[in-house]
N, C-alpha and C. Protein backbone atom coordinates (compact mmCIF):
# COMPACT_ATOMS: atom_id res chain seq x y z
N MET A 1 -39.67 125.54 -47.47
CA MET A 1 -40.74 125.68 -46.51
C MET A 1 -41.38 124.33 -46.22
N VAL A 2 -41.50 123.51 -47.25
CA VAL A 2 -42.11 122.20 -47.07
C VAL A 2 -41.22 121.33 -46.19
N ALA A 3 -39.90 121.46 -46.33
CA ALA A 3 -38.99 120.66 -45.52
C ALA A 3 -39.05 121.06 -44.05
N LEU A 4 -39.32 122.32 -43.78
CA LEU A 4 -39.41 122.77 -42.39
C LEU A 4 -40.70 122.33 -41.73
N ARG A 5 -41.78 122.24 -42.51
CA ARG A 5 -43.08 121.83 -41.98
C ARG A 5 -43.69 120.78 -42.92
N PRO A 6 -43.25 119.52 -42.82
CA PRO A 6 -43.75 118.50 -43.74
C PRO A 6 -45.24 118.22 -43.60
N GLU A 7 -45.83 118.56 -42.44
CA GLU A 7 -47.27 118.33 -42.27
C GLU A 7 -48.09 119.24 -43.17
N LYS A 8 -47.48 120.31 -43.69
CA LYS A 8 -48.21 121.24 -44.55
C LYS A 8 -48.04 120.93 -46.04
N ALA A 9 -47.47 119.77 -46.38
CA ALA A 9 -47.25 119.43 -47.78
C ALA A 9 -48.55 119.20 -48.53
N ASP A 10 -49.64 118.90 -47.81
CA ASP A 10 -50.92 118.66 -48.47
C ASP A 10 -51.80 119.91 -48.52
N GLN A 11 -51.31 121.04 -48.01
CA GLN A 11 -52.06 122.29 -48.08
C GLN A 11 -51.71 123.00 -49.39
N PRO A 12 -52.48 124.01 -49.80
CA PRO A 12 -52.32 124.61 -51.13
C PRO A 12 -50.89 124.97 -51.56
N PRO A 13 -50.05 125.65 -50.76
CA PRO A 13 -48.70 125.94 -51.26
C PRO A 13 -47.88 124.66 -51.47
N GLY A 14 -48.06 123.70 -50.57
CA GLY A 14 -47.32 122.45 -50.68
C GLY A 14 -47.78 121.60 -51.85
N GLU A 15 -49.06 121.70 -52.19
CA GLU A 15 -49.58 120.92 -53.30
C GLU A 15 -48.90 121.31 -54.61
N ALA A 16 -48.44 122.53 -54.72
CA ALA A 16 -47.74 122.96 -55.94
C ALA A 16 -46.23 122.80 -55.80
N ALA A 17 -45.71 123.02 -54.59
CA ALA A 17 -44.26 123.01 -54.41
C ALA A 17 -43.67 121.60 -54.48
N VAL A 18 -44.35 120.64 -53.91
CA VAL A 18 -43.79 119.28 -53.88
C VAL A 18 -43.68 118.69 -55.28
N PRO A 19 -44.72 118.73 -56.12
CA PRO A 19 -44.55 118.20 -57.48
C PRO A 19 -43.54 119.00 -58.31
N ALA A 20 -43.47 120.32 -58.08
CA ALA A 20 -42.50 121.14 -58.82
C ALA A 20 -41.08 120.74 -58.45
N ALA A 21 -40.82 120.51 -57.17
CA ALA A 21 -39.49 120.10 -56.74
C ALA A 21 -39.15 118.72 -57.27
N ALA A 22 -40.11 117.82 -57.29
CA ALA A 22 -39.87 116.48 -57.81
C ALA A 22 -39.61 116.53 -59.32
N GLY A 23 -40.32 117.39 -60.01
CA GLY A 23 -40.11 117.53 -61.46
C GLY A 23 -38.79 118.18 -61.78
N ALA A 24 -38.35 119.13 -60.95
CA ALA A 24 -37.07 119.79 -61.19
C ALA A 24 -35.90 118.83 -61.02
N GLY A 25 -36.07 117.84 -60.16
CA GLY A 25 -35.00 116.87 -59.96
C GLY A 25 -34.79 115.98 -61.17
N GLY A 26 -35.78 115.83 -62.02
CA GLY A 26 -35.66 114.95 -63.17
C GLY A 26 -35.35 115.67 -64.47
N CYS A 27 -34.92 116.92 -64.42
CA CYS A 27 -34.68 117.69 -65.65
C CYS A 27 -33.52 117.14 -66.47
N ASP A 28 -32.54 116.54 -65.83
CA ASP A 28 -31.35 116.06 -66.54
C ASP A 28 -31.54 114.68 -67.16
N VAL A 29 -32.60 113.99 -66.84
CA VAL A 29 -32.77 112.61 -67.27
C VAL A 29 -32.73 112.45 -68.79
N PRO A 30 -33.34 113.32 -69.61
CA PRO A 30 -33.27 113.10 -71.06
C PRO A 30 -31.84 113.11 -71.62
N GLY A 31 -30.91 113.80 -71.00
CA GLY A 31 -29.55 113.84 -71.51
C GLY A 31 -28.68 112.68 -71.07
N MET A 32 -29.16 111.84 -70.19
CA MET A 32 -28.33 110.78 -69.64
C MET A 32 -27.97 109.67 -70.64
N PRO A 33 -28.83 109.30 -71.58
CA PRO A 33 -28.47 108.20 -72.48
C PRO A 33 -27.36 108.52 -73.47
N ASP A 34 -26.90 109.77 -73.56
CA ASP A 34 -25.84 110.12 -74.50
C ASP A 34 -24.57 109.33 -74.20
N PRO A 35 -23.87 108.87 -75.23
CA PRO A 35 -22.61 108.16 -74.99
C PRO A 35 -21.53 109.13 -74.53
N PRO A 36 -20.51 108.64 -73.85
CA PRO A 36 -19.44 109.53 -73.42
C PRO A 36 -18.66 110.08 -74.61
N CYS A 37 -18.05 111.23 -74.44
CA CYS A 37 -17.28 111.85 -75.51
C CYS A 37 -15.95 111.13 -75.69
N GLY A 38 -15.65 110.71 -76.87
CA GLY A 38 -14.37 110.07 -77.15
C GLY A 38 -14.31 108.63 -76.67
N ALA A 39 -13.10 108.08 -76.71
CA ALA A 39 -12.89 106.70 -76.32
C ALA A 39 -12.82 106.60 -74.79
N MET A 40 -13.14 105.42 -74.31
CA MET A 40 -13.06 105.19 -72.87
C MET A 40 -11.59 105.15 -72.45
N VAL A 41 -11.28 105.79 -71.35
CA VAL A 41 -9.92 105.84 -70.82
C VAL A 41 -9.74 104.66 -69.87
N PRO A 42 -8.60 103.97 -69.96
CA PRO A 42 -8.40 102.86 -69.02
C PRO A 42 -8.29 103.36 -67.59
N ARG A 43 -8.66 102.50 -66.65
CA ARG A 43 -8.60 102.88 -65.23
C ARG A 43 -7.16 103.05 -64.79
N CYS A 44 -6.96 103.99 -63.89
CA CYS A 44 -5.61 104.22 -63.38
C CYS A 44 -5.52 103.72 -61.94
N PRO A 45 -4.31 103.36 -61.52
CA PRO A 45 -4.15 102.89 -60.15
C PRO A 45 -4.48 104.01 -59.17
N PRO A 46 -4.98 103.79 -58.04
CA PRO A 46 -5.33 102.52 -57.39
C PRO A 46 -6.75 102.07 -57.71
N TYR A 47 -7.44 102.74 -58.65
CA TYR A 47 -8.82 102.40 -58.95
C TYR A 47 -8.96 101.28 -59.97
N ASP A 48 -7.87 100.74 -60.48
CA ASP A 48 -7.98 99.65 -61.45
C ASP A 48 -8.42 98.35 -60.79
N SER A 49 -8.20 98.20 -59.49
CA SER A 49 -8.72 97.04 -58.76
C SER A 49 -9.29 97.55 -57.44
N ALA A 50 -10.42 97.02 -57.05
CA ALA A 50 -11.10 97.37 -55.80
C ALA A 50 -11.44 98.86 -55.75
N ALA A 51 -12.05 99.34 -56.81
CA ALA A 51 -12.42 100.77 -56.88
C ALA A 51 -13.37 101.20 -55.76
N PRO A 52 -14.39 100.40 -55.41
CA PRO A 52 -15.27 100.85 -54.32
C PRO A 52 -14.54 101.03 -52.99
N VAL A 53 -13.59 100.14 -52.70
CA VAL A 53 -12.84 100.24 -51.45
C VAL A 53 -11.98 101.50 -51.45
N GLU A 54 -11.28 101.74 -52.56
CA GLU A 54 -10.43 102.93 -52.65
C GLU A 54 -11.26 104.21 -52.56
N GLY A 55 -12.42 104.21 -53.22
CA GLY A 55 -13.28 105.38 -53.16
C GLY A 55 -13.79 105.64 -51.75
N PHE A 56 -14.14 104.57 -51.04
CA PHE A 56 -14.60 104.72 -49.67
C PHE A 56 -13.48 105.26 -48.78
N LEU A 57 -12.28 104.73 -48.92
CA LEU A 57 -11.16 105.19 -48.10
C LEU A 57 -10.81 106.64 -48.39
N THR A 58 -10.84 107.03 -49.66
CA THR A 58 -10.54 108.41 -50.03
C THR A 58 -11.60 109.35 -49.47
N GLY A 59 -12.86 108.96 -49.58
CA GLY A 59 -13.94 109.77 -49.03
C GLY A 59 -13.86 109.87 -47.52
N TYR A 60 -13.48 108.77 -46.87
CA TYR A 60 -13.35 108.79 -45.42
C TYR A 60 -12.23 109.73 -44.99
N GLN A 61 -11.13 109.72 -45.73
CA GLN A 61 -10.02 110.62 -45.40
C GLN A 61 -10.44 112.09 -45.57
N THR A 62 -11.25 112.37 -46.58
CA THR A 62 -11.74 113.72 -46.79
C THR A 62 -12.62 114.16 -45.62
N MET A 63 -13.55 113.28 -45.22
CA MET A 63 -14.42 113.63 -44.09
C MET A 63 -13.60 113.78 -42.81
N ASP A 64 -12.59 112.95 -42.63
CA ASP A 64 -11.75 113.04 -41.45
C ASP A 64 -10.99 114.37 -41.42
N THR A 65 -10.51 114.82 -42.57
CA THR A 65 -9.81 116.09 -42.66
C THR A 65 -10.74 117.26 -42.33
N ILE A 66 -11.94 117.23 -42.88
CA ILE A 66 -12.90 118.30 -42.60
C ILE A 66 -13.27 118.32 -41.12
N ALA A 67 -13.46 117.15 -40.53
CA ALA A 67 -13.78 117.08 -39.10
C ALA A 67 -12.62 117.61 -38.26
N ALA A 68 -11.39 117.30 -38.65
CA ALA A 68 -10.23 117.78 -37.91
C ALA A 68 -10.13 119.31 -37.98
N LEU A 69 -10.40 119.88 -39.17
CA LEU A 69 -10.39 121.34 -39.30
C LEU A 69 -11.47 121.97 -38.43
N ASN A 70 -12.65 121.37 -38.43
CA ASN A 70 -13.75 121.89 -37.62
C ASN A 70 -13.39 121.80 -36.14
N PHE A 71 -12.82 120.70 -35.71
CA PHE A 71 -12.42 120.54 -34.31
C PHE A 71 -11.36 121.57 -33.94
N GLY A 72 -10.43 121.83 -34.84
CA GLY A 72 -9.41 122.84 -34.58
C GLY A 72 -10.01 124.23 -34.44
N ILE A 73 -11.00 124.54 -35.26
CA ILE A 73 -11.67 125.84 -35.17
C ILE A 73 -12.37 125.98 -33.82
N VAL A 74 -13.03 124.91 -33.36
CA VAL A 74 -13.71 124.95 -32.06
C VAL A 74 -12.70 125.18 -30.94
N ILE A 75 -11.56 124.51 -31.01
CA ILE A 75 -10.52 124.68 -29.97
C ILE A 75 -10.02 126.12 -29.97
N VAL A 76 -9.73 126.67 -31.16
CA VAL A 76 -9.23 128.04 -31.24
C VAL A 76 -10.26 129.02 -30.70
N MET A 77 -11.53 128.82 -31.03
CA MET A 77 -12.59 129.71 -30.54
C MET A 77 -12.68 129.66 -29.02
N ASN A 78 -12.54 128.47 -28.45
CA ASN A 78 -12.59 128.36 -26.99
C ASN A 78 -11.39 128.99 -26.33
N ILE A 79 -10.20 128.85 -26.92
CA ILE A 79 -9.01 129.48 -26.36
C ILE A 79 -9.15 131.00 -26.40
N ARG A 80 -9.67 131.52 -27.51
CA ARG A 80 -9.87 132.97 -27.63
C ARG A 80 -10.91 133.46 -26.62
N ALA A 81 -11.96 132.66 -26.40
CA ALA A 81 -12.99 133.07 -25.47
C ALA A 81 -12.49 133.11 -24.03
N LEU A 82 -11.55 132.21 -23.71
CA LEU A 82 -10.99 132.18 -22.36
C LEU A 82 -9.97 133.28 -22.13
N GLY A 83 -9.42 133.80 -23.22
CA GLY A 83 -8.49 134.92 -23.09
C GLY A 83 -7.13 134.51 -23.22
C-alpha cells in the first residue's frame, strides 16, 4: 500500500509499515558472516577469467530469450484475434 501511495508513508499505517519492511529486509544479516561449507571450489571456465563480462552476457541472453518468448506470445495473440 505504501508503494502505491508514497505520500501516505508519514500517516499512521505508513509509520508502522515502512520501518517493519525495512527491518524485515535485514533479517538475514546475522547469518552472513558464517564461513562457506567445506573447501572453496576452483572457478570453472568461462568464469575463471573475466567473470563479470561472462555473467553480463549470460544474463543478457536470458533477458533476450524471455523478451523473444513474450514477443512471440503477443504475435500469436494478435493472429488469433484477427481470425
